[in-house]
Protein backbone atom coordinates (compact mmCIF):
# COMPACT_ATOMS: atom_id res chain seq x y z
CA MET A 1 -61.79 89.96 178.77
CA THR A 2 -59.20 92.64 178.68
CA LYS A 3 -59.51 95.00 182.09
CA PRO A 4 -60.54 98.31 181.30
CA LEU A 5 -58.34 101.28 180.87
CA SER A 6 -57.32 103.75 183.21
CA LEU A 7 -56.92 107.51 182.19
CA PHE A 8 -53.51 109.10 183.39
CA LEU A 9 -54.51 112.15 184.65
CA LEU A 10 -52.67 115.64 184.07
CA PHE A 11 -53.95 118.47 186.03
CA SER A 12 -55.52 121.09 184.56
CA CYS A 13 -57.53 123.74 185.94
CA THR A 14 -59.70 126.85 184.53
CA LEU A 15 -61.18 129.95 186.61
CA PHE A 16 -64.49 131.03 185.65
CA ALA A 17 -65.34 134.07 187.32
CA SER A 18 -64.49 133.46 191.10
CA SER A 19 -64.65 129.70 190.46
CA GLN A 20 -62.42 127.08 190.15
CA ILE A 21 -62.91 123.73 188.09
CA GLU A 22 -60.54 121.09 187.59
CA ASP A 23 -60.34 119.30 184.54
CA PRO A 24 -58.13 116.22 184.67
CA TYR A 25 -59.43 114.72 181.27
CA ARG A 26 -58.74 118.08 179.34
CA TRP A 27 -55.83 116.20 177.68
CA LEU A 28 -58.33 114.09 175.70
CA GLU A 29 -59.79 117.47 173.72
CA GLU A 30 -56.37 116.82 171.70
CA MET A 31 -57.92 114.42 169.37
CA GLU A 32 -54.72 113.79 167.88
CA SER A 33 -52.53 113.66 170.45
CA PRO A 34 -50.52 110.47 170.64
CA GLN A 35 -51.92 109.70 174.21
CA THR A 36 -55.99 110.55 172.94
CA LEU A 37 -55.25 108.04 169.67
CA GLU A 38 -53.70 105.53 171.76
CA TRP A 39 -56.41 105.54 174.33
CA VAL A 40 -58.99 105.47 171.69
CA GLU A 41 -57.55 102.45 170.13
CA LYS A 42 -57.49 100.72 173.38
CA GLN A 43 -61.02 101.67 174.18
CA ASN A 44 -62.18 100.27 170.44
CA THR A 45 -60.25 97.38 171.34
CA ILE A 46 -62.27 96.84 174.72
CA ALA A 47 -65.87 97.68 172.82
CA GLU A 48 -65.19 95.29 170.31
CA GLU A 49 -64.04 92.27 171.99
CA TYR A 50 -67.28 92.73 174.28
CA LEU A 51 -70.02 93.28 171.46
CA THR A 52 -68.69 90.58 168.90
CA LYS A 53 -69.91 88.09 171.44
CA ALA A 54 -73.18 89.74 173.03
CA PRO A 55 -76.29 87.73 171.38
CA GLU A 56 -78.60 91.05 170.90
CA LYS A 57 -75.51 92.74 168.11
CA GLU A 58 -77.34 91.70 165.35
CA TRP A 59 -81.05 92.18 166.08
CA ILE A 60 -80.11 95.86 167.44
CA LYS A 61 -77.76 95.95 163.79
CA GLU A 62 -80.91 95.35 162.11
CA LYS A 63 -83.43 97.51 163.97
CA LEU A 64 -81.25 100.78 163.65
CA LYS A 65 -80.92 100.23 160.02
CA GLU A 66 -84.53 99.77 160.06
CA VAL A 67 -85.42 103.02 161.89
CA ALA A 68 -82.86 105.04 160.10
CA ASP A 69 -83.58 103.95 156.70
CA TYR A 70 -85.54 107.12 155.96
CA GLU A 71 -85.69 109.79 153.30
CA SER A 72 -84.81 113.44 154.90
CA TYR A 73 -83.94 117.08 153.92
CA GLY A 74 -81.82 120.00 155.19
CA LEU A 75 -82.77 123.55 154.97
CA PRO A 76 -83.58 124.67 151.48
CA VAL A 77 -82.28 127.93 149.74
CA LEU A 78 -83.90 129.82 147.06
CA ILE A 79 -80.91 131.61 145.07
CA GLU A 80 -82.30 132.58 141.61
CA ASP A 81 -85.05 130.17 139.96
CA ARG A 82 -82.67 127.06 141.76
CA ILE A 83 -83.27 125.26 145.47
CA PHE A 84 -80.38 124.12 147.09
CA PHE A 85 -80.82 121.53 149.99
CA THR A 86 -78.90 118.42 151.45
CA ARG A 87 -80.95 115.12 150.88
CA ARG A 88 -80.45 111.73 152.04
CA ASN A 89 -82.30 109.02 150.35
CA ARG A 90 -83.51 105.72 151.40
CA GLY A 91 -80.55 103.19 151.39
CA ASP A 92 -77.80 106.36 151.82
CA GLU A 93 -75.89 106.96 154.63
CA LEU A 94 -75.05 110.75 154.45
CA HIS A 95 -76.64 114.00 152.83
CA HIS A 96 -75.47 115.00 149.40
CA ILE A 97 -75.95 118.77 148.34
CA THR A 98 -78.86 118.53 145.49
CA MET A 99 -80.23 121.43 143.19
CA GLN A 100 -84.03 121.56 141.95
CA GLU A 101 -84.27 123.81 139.08
CA VAL A 102 -87.21 125.76 138.27
CA ASP A 103 -88.86 122.69 135.74
CA GLY A 104 -88.49 120.45 138.61
CA SER A 105 -86.04 118.69 137.97
CA VAL A 106 -83.34 117.42 140.46
CA GLN A 107 -79.95 116.79 140.29
CA ILE A 108 -76.98 116.09 142.84
CA LEU A 109 -74.28 118.49 142.86
CA VAL A 110 -71.89 117.15 145.79
CA LYS A 111 -71.89 113.80 146.57
CA ALA A 112 -70.66 112.94 150.18
CA ASP A 113 -67.92 110.90 150.40
CA SER A 114 -68.26 107.22 152.70
CA HIS A 115 -68.33 108.42 156.00
CA ILE A 116 -67.12 111.96 155.23
CA PRO A 117 -70.18 113.98 155.98
CA ILE A 118 -70.79 117.57 154.47
CA SER A 119 -71.46 119.81 157.32
CA GLU A 120 -72.63 122.44 155.64
CA PHE A 121 -72.69 124.75 152.34
CA LYS A 122 -72.75 128.55 150.67
CA VAL A 123 -74.28 129.64 147.80
CA SER A 124 -73.15 132.65 146.20
CA ASP A 125 -75.68 135.09 145.06
CA ASP A 126 -75.89 134.41 141.11
CA GLY A 127 -76.03 130.77 142.02
CA LYS A 128 -73.38 129.91 139.89
CA LYS A 129 -70.76 128.99 142.47
CA ILE A 130 -70.82 126.65 145.67
CA ALA A 131 -69.00 126.57 149.03
CA TYR A 132 -69.16 123.29 151.26
CA SER A 133 -67.28 121.49 153.86
CA ILE A 134 -66.51 118.11 154.99
CA SER A 135 -65.99 117.34 158.65
CA ARG A 136 -63.72 113.89 159.05
CA GLY A 137 -64.85 112.44 162.58
CA GLY A 138 -66.97 114.95 163.60
CA SER A 139 -64.33 117.62 164.13
CA ASP A 140 -65.10 121.42 164.33
CA ASN A 141 -62.25 121.95 162.49
CA LYS A 142 -63.69 121.79 158.77
CA LEU A 143 -62.29 121.54 154.90
CA TRP A 144 -63.98 124.39 152.78
CA LYS A 145 -64.13 122.77 149.22
CA PHE A 146 -65.76 124.89 145.90
CA MET A 147 -67.77 123.70 143.23
CA ASN A 148 -68.85 125.56 139.81
CA VAL A 149 -72.70 124.80 139.56
CA GLU A 150 -73.16 125.59 135.91
CA THR A 151 -70.17 122.84 134.94
CA GLY A 152 -70.55 120.74 137.85
CA GLU A 153 -66.62 120.66 138.08
CA PRO A 154 -64.64 120.94 141.42
CA PHE A 155 -62.36 124.02 142.10
CA LEU A 156 -58.86 123.28 143.00
CA ASP A 157 -59.10 125.61 145.92
CA GLU A 158 -59.76 124.20 149.46
CA ILE A 159 -59.58 126.33 152.94
CA HIS A 160 -58.69 124.98 156.58
CA GLY A 161 -58.73 126.93 160.08
CA ILE A 162 -62.53 127.99 160.04
CA LEU A 163 -63.96 126.64 163.22
CA PHE A 164 -67.60 128.22 164.31
CA SER A 165 -68.24 130.50 161.50
CA SER A 166 -68.72 129.80 157.70
CA PRO A 167 -67.30 131.96 154.81
CA VAL A 168 -69.18 134.70 153.26
CA TRP A 169 -69.26 135.07 149.47
CA SER A 170 -67.99 138.32 147.90
CA LYS A 171 -70.14 140.96 145.99
CA ASP A 172 -68.90 139.79 142.53
CA HIS A 173 -68.90 136.38 143.44
CA LYS A 174 -64.97 135.73 142.75
CA GLY A 175 -64.30 134.62 146.46
CA VAL A 176 -64.93 134.59 149.83
CA TYR A 177 -64.23 136.13 153.00
CA TYR A 178 -63.52 134.40 156.23
CA ILE A 179 -62.26 134.02 159.66
CA ASN A 180 -59.30 131.51 160.36
CA PHE A 181 -59.72 130.58 163.82
CA THR A 182 -56.49 129.09 164.37
CA GLU A 183 -54.48 132.38 163.47
CA ALA A 184 -57.47 135.13 164.37
CA GLY A 185 -57.62 137.00 161.24
CA ILE A 186 -60.04 138.17 159.13
CA TYR A 187 -58.91 136.84 155.19
CA TYR A 188 -60.44 136.95 151.84
CA HIS A 189 -59.31 134.42 149.40
CA GLU A 190 -60.23 134.40 145.41
CA LEU A 191 -60.82 131.10 143.72
CA GLY A 192 -57.63 130.35 141.63
CA LYS A 193 -55.12 132.05 143.84
CA ASN A 194 -52.65 129.72 145.83
CA GLU A 195 -53.07 131.88 148.88
CA SER A 196 -55.66 134.20 150.46
CA THR A 197 -54.72 137.92 151.37
CA LEU A 198 -55.30 138.95 155.48
CA LEU A 199 -57.52 141.59 156.01
CA TYR A 200 -57.17 142.06 159.45
CA GLN A 201 -55.38 140.55 162.46
CA MET A 202 -56.37 140.44 165.79
CA GLU A 203 -54.23 142.47 168.56
CA LYS A 204 -54.74 140.39 171.77
CA GLU A 205 -53.79 136.97 171.90
CA SER A 206 -56.30 136.59 174.29
CA ASP A 207 -59.22 137.06 171.50
CA GLN A 208 -57.60 134.22 169.18
CA LEU A 209 -60.37 131.62 170.97
CA LEU A 210 -63.40 134.24 170.67
CA LEU A 211 -63.70 135.39 166.56
CA VAL A 212 -66.56 133.14 165.27
CA TYR A 213 -68.71 134.87 163.41
CA LEU A 214 -68.99 137.15 160.55
CA ILE A 215 -71.45 139.61 158.12
CA LEU A 216 -70.51 140.77 155.07
CA LEU A 217 -71.74 144.42 155.11
CA LYS A 218 -71.78 146.94 152.36
CA LYS A 219 -68.75 148.56 153.20
CA PHE A 220 -68.18 146.82 156.52
CA PHE A 221 -67.29 143.58 158.58
CA PHE A 222 -69.36 143.00 161.34
CA PHE A 223 -68.09 140.44 163.66
CA ILE A 224 -69.02 139.14 167.39
CA PHE A 225 -66.79 137.67 170.33
CA PRO A 226 -69.16 135.66 172.27
CA ARG A 227 -67.52 136.55 175.61
CA ASP A 228 -64.88 139.07 176.94
CA GLY A 229 -62.69 137.37 179.44
CA VAL A 230 -64.15 135.47 182.17
CA GLU A 231 -67.59 137.63 181.45
CA ILE A 232 -70.16 136.06 179.61
CA THR A 233 -71.17 139.25 176.90
CA GLN A 234 -71.27 139.79 173.52
CA LEU A 235 -69.08 141.77 172.09
CA GLY A 236 -69.66 143.51 168.07
CA TYR A 237 -67.43 145.29 166.05
CA PHE A 238 -67.02 147.25 162.58
CA ILE A 239 -64.36 147.47 160.31
CA SER A 240 -64.40 149.24 157.33
CA LYS A 241 -62.94 147.78 154.33
CA GLN A 242 -63.37 148.55 150.60
CA MET A 243 -65.35 145.45 149.70
CA LYS A 244 -64.89 143.26 146.39
């Protein structure tokens, strides 16, 4: 049998208040780095070598299929006379975005691709457009896509860089406001346009990892920092902006 792997240690340390916490495995958080990918591949080889020979494998596999194969629903959202929700039927691996009309008829709006789950969705206030995110490998860095509910046709627009927050539909339903986590800015994206418009840029580099939440009010953006430096506090900010 292949010998277990040993991690190479890159020293890392974080200061929380007055306590210094060593974190020698932080390099594994870089999921796409060559070192992490190589380590994961070798770990998978070790696991597969063991599991293929385990006599209990097939029994466990069938038992897991049996207990996991049930119909389930996500939290429903009522927009106008339509109900939007995620649903997984028996025999399906993933949830699909589903819509129920006032007459009780049900249709799948967005069918999840194999092994790429739909993370969440946001419906415009008029119920005619939907934004939804997919996550590869469970990553927090989600890709947001858009669909025309009336026609069932997808828009070509895609938004990257949203972490720990969700886009907010504009009042005219033509686009969305969102926070680009990696660029630490608030943007507006109008469907059909090639690029998003930067509306507000964070000034301090230290705020880059703190910009997480956005609420669209009548004449303001409201966003929240979950902490300020090493202090576990929440800071709320308003930004005056002419809304679309």
